[in-house]
C-alpha atoms as a PDB file:
ATOM      1  CA  MET A   1      15.762  -0.604  43.988  1.00  0.00           C
ATOM      2  CA  ILE A   2      17.237   1.708  41.348  1.00  0.00           C
ATOM      3  CA  GLN A   3      18.781  -1.258  39.559  1.00  0.00           C
ATOM      4  CA  ASN A   4      15.427  -3.046  39.401  1.00  0.00           C
ATOM      5  CA  LEU A   5      13.778   0.115  38.095  1.00  0.00           C
ATOM      6  CA  LEU A   6      16.373   0.418  35.310  1.00  0.00           C
ATOM      7  CA  VAL A   7      15.891  -3.205  34.328  1.00  0.00           C
ATOM      8  CA  TRP A   8      12.135  -2.683  34.237  1.00  0.00           C
ATOM      9  CA  LEU A   9      12.514   0.457  32.066  1.00  0.00           C
ATOM     10  CA  ILE A  10      14.841  -1.364  29.678  1.00  0.00           C
ATOM     11  CA  GLN A  11      12.403  -4.255  29.310  1.00  0.00           C
ATOM     12  CA  ILE A  12       9.397  -1.992  28.760  1.00  0.00           C
ATOM     13  CA  SER A  13      11.249   0.220  26.262  1.00  0.00           C
ATOM     14  CA  LEU A  14      12.592  -2.720  24.282  1.00  0.00           C
ATOM     15  CA  CYS A  15       9.166  -4.374  24.187  1.00  0.00           C
ATOM     16  CA  LEU A  16       7.595  -1.167  22.888  1.00  0.00           C
ATOM     17  CA  PHE A  17      10.336  -0.740  20.290  1.00  0.00           C
ATOM     18  CA  LEU A  18      10.069  -4.327  19.033  1.00  0.00           C
ATOM     19  CA  PHE A  19       6.265  -4.141  18.978  1.00  0.00           C
ATOM     20  CA  HIS A  20       6.366  -0.908  16.994  1.00  0.00           C
ATOM     21  CA  CYS A  21       8.804  -2.390  14.478  1.00  0.00           C
ATOM     22  CA  SER A  22       6.809  -5.582  14.015  1.00  0.00           C
ATOM     23  CA  VAL A  23       3.249  -4.240  13.929  1.00  0.00           C
ATOM     24  CA  GLY A  24       1.954  -4.237  10.381  1.00  0.00           C
ATOM     25  CA  GLU A  25       0.402  -6.527   7.842  1.00  0.00           C
ATOM     26  CA  LYS A  26       0.789  -7.686   4.308  1.00  0.00           C
ATOM     27  CA  PHE A  27      -1.479  -6.307   1.630  1.00  0.00           C
ATOM     28  CA  SER A  28      -4.786  -8.113   1.528  1.00  0.00           C
ATOM     29  CA  PHE A  29      -8.128  -7.204   0.080  1.00  0.00           C
ATOM     30  CA  SER A  30     -11.593  -8.046   1.342  1.00  0.00           C
ATOM     31  CA  PRO A  31     -14.163  -6.097  -0.701  1.00  0.00           C
ATOM     32  CA  LYS A  32     -16.939  -4.321   1.130  1.00  0.00           C
ATOM     33  CA  GLU A  33     -20.532  -5.362   0.629  1.00  0.00           C
ATOM     34  CA  LYS A  34     -22.123  -3.402  -2.211  1.00  0.00           C
ATOM     35  CA  LYS A  35     -25.367  -1.659  -1.286  1.00  0.00           C
ATOM     36  CA  LEU A  36     -26.059   0.113  -4.572  1.00  0.00           C
ATOM     37  CA  PRO A  37     -28.269  -1.738  -7.094  1.00  0.00           C
ATOM     38  CA  TYR A  38     -26.352  -2.702 -10.244  1.00  0.00           C
ATOM     39  CA  LYS A  39     -28.113  -4.367 -13.149  1.00  0.00           C
ATOM     40  CA  ASN A  40     -26.675  -7.522 -14.651  1.00  0.00           C
ATOM     41  CA  ILE A  41     -24.073  -6.982 -17.391  1.00  0.00           C
ATOM     42  CA  PRO A  42     -23.822 -10.000 -19.725  1.00  0.00           C
ATOM     43  CA  LYS A  43     -20.190  -9.293 -20.594  1.00  0.00           C
ATOM     44  CA  SER A  44     -16.759 -10.623 -19.666  1.00  0.00           C
ATOM     45  CA  LEU A  45     -13.819  -8.628 -18.336  1.00  0.00           C
ATOM     46  CA  ALA A  46     -10.117  -9.541 -18.362  1.00  0.00           C
ATOM     47  CA  PHE A  47      -7.179  -7.989 -16.494  1.00  0.00           C
ATOM     48  CA  GLU A  48      -3.642  -7.489 -17.622  1.00  0.00           C
ATOM     49  CA  THR A  49      -1.076  -7.743 -14.819  1.00  0.00           C
ATOM     50  CA  PHE A  50      -0.165  -4.260 -13.629  1.00  0.00           C
ATOM     51  CA  GLN A  51       2.835  -2.662 -15.342  1.00  0.00           C
ATOM     52  CA  ASP A  52       5.517  -1.485 -12.918  1.00  0.00           C
ATOM     53  CA  LEU A  53       6.927   1.773 -14.341  1.00  0.00           C
ATOM     54  CA  ARG A  54       8.538   3.119 -11.159  1.00  0.00           C
ATOM     55  CA  PRO A  55      12.121   4.417 -10.988  1.00  0.00           C
ATOM     56  CA  GLU A  56      14.769   2.450  -9.145  1.00  0.00           C
ATOM     57  CA  ASP A  57      15.434   2.938  -5.438  1.00  0.00           C
ATOM     58  CA  LYS A  58      17.575   5.727  -4.083  1.00  0.00           C
ATOM     59  CA  LYS A  59      20.627   4.751  -2.050  1.00  0.00           C
ATOM     60  CA  THR A  60      20.104   5.487   1.630  1.00  0.00           C
ATOM     61  CA  ARG A  61      22.349   5.180   4.660  1.00  0.00           C
ATOM     62  CA  THR A  62      21.243   3.498   7.883  1.00  0.00           C
ATOM     63  CA  GLY A  63      22.692   3.119  11.365  1.00  0.00           C
ATOM     64  CA  TYR A  64      23.797   6.663  12.081  1.00  0.00           C
ATOM     65  CA  ILE A  65      20.909   7.136  14.495  1.00  0.00           C
ATOM     66  CA  PHE A  66      22.741   4.923  17.013  1.00  0.00           C
ATOM     67  CA  ILE A  67      25.736   7.288  17.150  1.00  0.00           C
ATOM     68  CA  PRO A  68      25.507   9.720  20.129  1.00  0.00           C
ATOM     69  CA  PHE A  69      24.286  13.262  19.353  1.00  0.00           C
ATOM     70  CA  VAL A  70      22.860  12.280  15.946  1.00  0.00           C
ATOM     71  CA  PHE A  71      19.285  13.544  16.139  1.00  0.00           C
ATOM     72  CA  TRP A  72      17.627  11.874  13.184  1.00  0.00           C
ATOM     73  CA  GLU A  73      18.071   9.601  10.216  1.00  0.00           C
ATOM     74  CA  THR A  74      16.097   9.509   6.985  1.00  0.00           C
ATOM     75  CA  ASN A  75      15.353   6.483   4.860  1.00  0.00           C
ATOM     76  CA  GLU A  76      13.883   6.861   1.365  1.00  0.00           C
ATOM     77  CA  SER A  77      12.645   4.240  -1.050  1.00  0.00           C
ATOM     78  CA  ASN A  78      10.836   4.119  -4.388  1.00  0.00           C
ATOM     79  CA  LYS A  79      10.203   0.387  -4.256  1.00  0.00           C
ATOM     80  CA  ARG A  80      11.781  -1.594  -1.438  1.00  0.00           C
ATOM     81  CA  LYS A  81       9.798  -0.293   1.557  1.00  0.00           C
ATOM     82  CA  THR A  82       6.441  -0.444  -0.187  1.00  0.00           C
ATOM     83  CA  ASP A  83       6.942  -3.766  -1.958  1.00  0.00           C
ATOM     84  CA  GLU A  84       7.635  -5.597   1.294  1.00  0.00           C
ATOM     85  CA  LEU A  85       3.954  -5.114   2.149  1.00  0.00           C
ATOM     86  CA  LEU A  86       2.810  -6.939  -0.978  1.00  0.00           C
ATOM     87  CA  TYR A  87       2.783 -10.724  -0.941  1.00  0.00           C
ATOM     88  CA  GLY A  88       4.353 -12.393  -3.960  1.00  0.00           C
ATOM     89  CA  LYS A  89       4.800 -10.142  -6.953  1.00  0.00           C
ATOM     90  CA  LYS A  90       3.726  -6.567  -6.164  1.00  0.00           C
ATOM     91  CA  ASP A  91       2.031  -5.984  -9.536  1.00  0.00           C
ATOM     92  CA  PHE A  92       0.144  -9.283  -9.357  1.00  0.00           C
ATOM     93  CA  ALA A  93      -1.050  -8.622  -5.794  1.00  0.00           C
ATOM     94  CA  LEU A  94      -2.699  -5.353  -6.851  1.00  0.00           C
ATOM     95  CA  THR A  95      -4.169  -7.013  -9.947  1.00  0.00           C
ATOM     96  CA  GLN A  96      -5.730  -9.703  -7.749  1.00  0.00           C
ATOM     97  CA  GLY A  97      -7.094  -7.006  -5.428  1.00  0.00           C
ATOM     98  CA  LEU A  98      -8.824  -5.188  -8.284  1.00  0.00           C
ATOM     99  CA  LYS A  99     -10.232  -8.472  -9.575  1.00  0.00           C
ATOM    100  CA  LYS A 100     -11.761  -9.227  -6.160  1.00  0.00           C
ATOM    101  CA  GLU A 101     -13.290  -5.764  -5.961  1.00  0.00           C
ATOM    102  CA  LEU A 102     -14.996  -6.034  -9.370  1.00  0.00           C
ATOM    103  CA  LEU A 103     -16.156  -9.582  -8.610  1.00  0.00           C
ATOM    104  CA  SER A 104     -17.889  -8.264  -5.496  1.00  0.00           C
ATOM    105  CA  TYR A 105     -20.419  -6.443  -7.691  1.00  0.00           C
ATOM    106  CA  LYS A 106     -21.607  -9.883  -8.916  1.00  0.00           C
ATOM    107  CA  ASN A 107     -23.109  -8.677 -12.167  1.00  0.00           C
ATOM    108  CA  LEU A 108     -20.502  -9.545 -14.826  1.00  0.00           C
ATOM    109  CA  ASN A 109     -20.604 -12.908 -16.592  1.00  0.00           C
ATOM    110  CA  GLU A 110     -16.887 -13.531 -16.179  1.00  0.00           C
ATOM    111  CA  VAL A 111     -13.932 -11.777 -14.562  1.00  0.00           C
ATOM    112  CA  TYR A 112     -10.426 -13.190 -14.935  1.00  0.00           C
ATOM    113  CA  ILE A 113      -6.735 -12.301 -15.169  1.00  0.00           C
ATOM    114  CA  ALA A 114      -5.440 -12.571 -18.731  1.00  0.00           C
ATOM    115  CA  SER A 115      -2.011 -13.859 -17.735  1.00  0.00           C
ATOM    116  CA  GLU A 116      -3.651 -16.901 -16.142  1.00  0.00           C
ATOM    117  CA  THR A 117      -5.567 -17.929 -19.257  1.00  0.00           C
ATOM    118  CA  ASP A 118      -3.924 -16.100 -22.203  1.00  0.00           C
ATOM    119  CA  ASN A 119      -7.334 -15.386 -23.721  1.00  0.00           C
ATOM    120  CA  SER A 120      -7.785 -11.655 -23.092  1.00  0.00           C
ATOM    121  CA  LYS A 121      -8.904 -11.204 -26.725  1.00  0.00           C
ATOM    122  CA  ASP A 122     -11.945 -13.343 -25.967  1.00  0.00           C
ATOM    123  CA  ALA A 123     -13.122 -10.865 -23.317  1.00  0.00           C
ATOM    124  CA  ASP A 124     -15.511  -8.009 -24.014  1.00  0.00           C
ATOM    125  CA  TYR A 125     -13.529  -5.570 -21.879  1.00  0.00           C
ATOM    126  CA  LEU A 126      -9.938  -5.308 -20.738  1.00  0.00           C
ATOM    127  CA  VAL A 127      -8.511  -3.518 -17.696  1.00  0.00           C
ATOM    128  CA  ARG A 128      -4.935  -2.228 -17.708  1.00  0.00           C
ATOM    129  CA  GLY A 129      -3.174  -0.900 -14.637  1.00  0.00           C
ATOM    130  CA  LYS A 130       0.125   0.938 -14.241  1.00  0.00           C
ATOM    131  CA  ILE A 131       2.152   1.595 -11.089  1.00  0.00           C
ATOM    132  CA  LEU A 132       3.723   4.939 -11.978  1.00  0.00           C
ATOM    133  CA  LYS A 133       5.163   5.884  -8.610  1.00  0.00           C
ATOM    134  CA  THR A 134       5.535   4.831  -4.995  1.00  0.00           C
ATOM    135  CA  PHE A 135       7.715   6.902  -2.693  1.00  0.00           C
ATOM    136  CA  TYR A 136       8.320   6.281   0.985  1.00  0.00           C
ATOM    137  CA  LYS A 137      10.274   8.533   3.359  1.00  0.00           C
ATOM    138  CA  ASN A 138      10.796   7.779   7.029  1.00  0.00           C
ATOM    139  CA  THR A 139      12.602  10.057   9.496  1.00  0.00           C
ATOM    140  CA  PHE A 140      13.470   8.303  12.753  1.00  0.00           C
ATOM    141  CA  THR A 141      14.846   9.930  15.924  1.00  0.00           C
ATOM    142  CA  LEU A 142      16.264   8.881  19.291  1.00  0.00           C
ATOM    143  CA  TYR A 143      16.634  12.553  20.258  1.00  0.00           C
ATOM    144  CA  GLY A 144      20.450  12.439  20.177  1.00  0.00           C
ATOM    145  CA  PHE A 145      20.657   9.825  22.956  1.00  0.00           C
ATOM    146  CA  SER A 146      21.708   6.956  20.672  1.00  0.00           C
ATOM    147  CA  ILE A 147      20.365   3.580  21.866  1.00  0.00           C
ATOM    148  CA  PHE A 148      19.510   5.107  25.257  1.00  0.00           C
ATOM    149  CA  GLY A 149      16.771   7.084  23.516  1.00  0.00           C
ATOM    150  CA  ILE A 150      14.525   4.028  23.818  1.00  0.00           C
ATOM    151  CA  PHE A 151      13.984   5.043  27.473  1.00  0.00           C
ATOM    152  CA  LEU A 152      11.896   7.936  26.115  1.00  0.00           C
ATOM    153  CA  PHE A 153       9.475   5.637  24.269  1.00  0.00           C
ATOM    154  CA  PRO A 154       7.126   5.001  27.247  1.00  0.00           C
ATOM    155  CA  LEU A 155       6.557   8.773  27.404  1.00  0.00           C
ATOM    156  CA  GLY A 156       4.803   8.644  24.033  1.00  0.00           C
ATOM    157  CA  LEU A 157       7.135  11.114  22.318  1.00  0.00           C
ATOM    158  CA  PRO A 158       7.064  11.068  18.500  1.00  0.00           C
ATOM    159  CA  ILE A 159       9.893   8.864  17.254  1.00  0.00           C
ATOM    160  CA  GLU A 160       9.262   8.939  13.526  1.00  0.00           C
ATOM    161  CA  HIS A 161       7.667  10.893  10.717  1.00  0.00           C
ATOM    162  CA  PHE A 162       6.596   9.000   7.648  1.00  0.00           C
ATOM    163  CA  TYR A 163       5.544  10.227   4.214  1.00  0.00           C
ATOM    164  CA  PHE A 164       4.050   8.021   1.512  1.00  0.00           C
ATOM    165  CA  GLU A 165       3.049   8.863  -2.038  1.00  0.00           C
ATOM    166  CA  THR A 166       1.656   6.606  -4.740  1.00  0.00           C
ATOM    167  CA  TYR A 167       0.475   7.212  -8.280  1.00  0.00           C
ATOM    168  CA  THR A 168      -1.424   4.633 -10.317  1.00  0.00           C
ATOM    169  CA  GLU A 169      -3.243   4.759 -13.628  1.00  0.00           C
ATOM    170  CA  PHE A 170      -6.092   2.554 -14.832  1.00  0.00           C
ATOM    171  CA  GLU A 171      -7.716   2.019 -18.212  1.00  0.00           C
ATOM    172  CA  LEU A 172     -10.908   0.266 -19.248  1.00  0.00           C
ATOM    173  CA  VAL A 173     -10.784  -0.816 -22.895  1.00  0.00           C
ATOM    174  CA  GLU A 174     -13.444  -2.265 -25.184  1.00  0.00           C
ATOM    175  CA  VAL A 175     -11.598  -5.193 -26.797  1.00  0.00           C
ATOM    176  CA  LYS A 176     -13.565  -5.365 -30.042  1.00  0.00           C
ATOM    177  CA  THR A 177     -12.973  -1.718 -30.991  1.00  0.00           C
ATOM    178  CA  ASN A 178      -9.848  -1.058 -28.871  1.00  0.00           C
ATOM    179  CA  LYS A 179     -11.653   2.039 -27.629  1.00  0.00           C
ATOM    180  CA  ILE A 180     -10.607   3.388 -24.246  1.00  0.00           C
ATOM    181  CA  LEU A 181     -13.823   3.815 -22.260  1.00  0.00           C
ATOM    182  CA  LEU A 182     -12.259   5.094 -19.053  1.00  0.00           C
ATOM    183  CA  THR A 183      -8.899   6.431 -17.922  1.00  0.00           C
ATOM    184  CA  LYS A 184      -8.306   7.180 -14.274  1.00  0.00           C
ATOM    185  CA  LYS A 185      -5.102   8.628 -12.845  1.00  0.00           C
ATOM    186  CA  ASN A 186      -5.011   8.229  -9.108  1.00  0.00           C
ATOM    187  CA  PRO A 187      -2.350  10.071  -7.076  1.00  0.00           C
ATOM    188  CA  ARG A 188      -2.517   9.678  -3.290  1.00  0.00           C
ATOM    189  CA  LYS A 189      -0.276  10.706  -0.396  1.00  0.00           C
ATOM    190  CA  ASP A 190      -0.244  10.757   3.381  1.00  0.00           C
ATOM    191  CA  SER A 191       2.119  11.708   6.192  1.00  0.00           C
ATOM    192  CA  SER A 192       2.121  11.784   9.985  1.00  0.00           C
ATOM    193  CA  LEU A 193       4.157  11.797  13.186  1.00  0.00           C
ATOM    194  CA  ARG A 194       4.037   8.517  15.098  1.00  0.00           C
ATOM    195  CA  ASN A 195       4.997   7.141  18.494  1.00  0.00           C
ATOM    196  CA  VAL A 196       5.293   3.557  19.745  1.00  0.00           C
ATOM    197  CA  TYR A 197       1.636   3.447  20.802  1.00  0.00           C
ATOM    198  CA  MET A 198       0.256   4.208  17.336  1.00  0.00           C
ATOM    199  CA  LYS A 199      -0.491   1.755  14.562  1.00  0.00           C
ATOM    200  CA  SER A 200       2.237   1.072  12.036  1.00  0.00           C
ATOM    201  CA  TYR A 201       2.393   3.163   8.859  1.00  0.00           C
ATOM    202  CA  HIS A 202       1.935  -0.163   7.020  1.00  0.00           C
ATOM    203  CA  ASN A 203      -1.792   0.011   7.691  1.00  0.00           C
ATOM    204  CA  THR A 204      -2.000   3.516   6.217  1.00  0.00           C
ATOM    205  CA  ILE A 205      -0.185   2.482   3.026  1.00  0.00           C
ATOM    206  CA  ILE A 206      -2.399  -0.578   2.579  1.00  0.00           C
ATOM    207  CA  LYS A 207      -5.530   1.548   3.069  1.00  0.00           C
ATOM    208  CA  ILE A 208      -4.366   3.953   0.343  1.00  0.00           C
ATOM    209  CA  TRP A 209      -3.948   1.081  -2.126  1.00  0.00           C
ATOM    210  CA  GLN A 210      -7.347  -0.322  -1.217  1.00  0.00           C
ATOM    211  CA  ASN A 211      -9.003   3.064  -1.761  1.00  0.00           C
ATOM    212  CA  GLN A 212      -7.405   3.355  -5.202  1.00  0.00           C
ATOM    213  CA  LEU A 213      -8.756  -0.032  -6.276  1.00  0.00           C
ATOM    214  CA  GLU A 214     -12.224   0.678  -4.865  1.00  0.00           C
ATOM    215  CA  SER A 215     -12.411   4.058  -6.579  1.00  0.00           C
ATOM    216  CA  PHE A 216     -11.529   2.712 -10.027  1.00  0.00           C
ATOM    217  CA  ALA A 217     -13.794  -0.323  -9.699  1.00  0.00           C
ATOM    218  CA  LYS A 218     -16.777   1.891  -8.911  1.00  0.00           C
ATOM    219  CA  ASP A 219     -16.056   4.181 -11.869  1.00  0.00           C
ATOM    220  CA  CYS A 220     -15.583   1.129 -14.070  1.00  0.00           C
ATOM    221  CA  MET A 221     -18.975  -0.301 -13.109  1.00  0.00           C
ATOM    222  CA  ASP A 222     -20.655   3.082 -13.639  1.00  0.00           C
ATOM    223  CA  VAL A 223     -19.336   3.089 -17.221  1.00  0.00           C
ATOM    224  CA  LEU A 224     -20.295  -0.526 -17.987  1.00  0.00           C
ATOM    225  CA  ARG A 225     -23.867  -0.276 -16.721  1.00  0.00           C
ATOM    226  CA  LYS A 226     -24.786   2.711 -18.885  1.00  0.00           C
END
């Protein structure tokens, strides 16, 4: 009886652990339907691929959490942990996301990525984006019980604390005059305690990126329709 109970606990705990590790999604962008009236703008807009200006990753150690009596382990990353959520090239994925958001307003004559056509000088407006910072910090605990700490997972105890910070900068430029019409610096951060029953932090990070793109796109359209 006790042996069967232990086997059942091991199976449940491992399933919860594997589910928690695997739950997440890659960055994708599906613009929301626009309800505000925007007049037609007979202009074209090109995008430069985002510049990645972030520092290199810090060196972190992993595996100590599985040694008995070690209570927690911290993993930090400037690039690696955040880039794994972006399909393909991280800078191009965000550029594509911003393009989709501006296309959803459906009132510009043409919207395209300059690197795909090499004709950004033919556009009326140009958008530049910079990834200045992404920082991820995850603190994971098995409460000093090493691998046996997974038996605590069904209780819903917090097993990790994550912190995420990102800083992007956008510019809207009038090509003919090279005048900067809009500059928007967009720092965001979030943190929380999580257990195996909660959604992955991946979803939070993706939502932050989406909000940054939506915010700039709206400001961009407000400038162009004046």
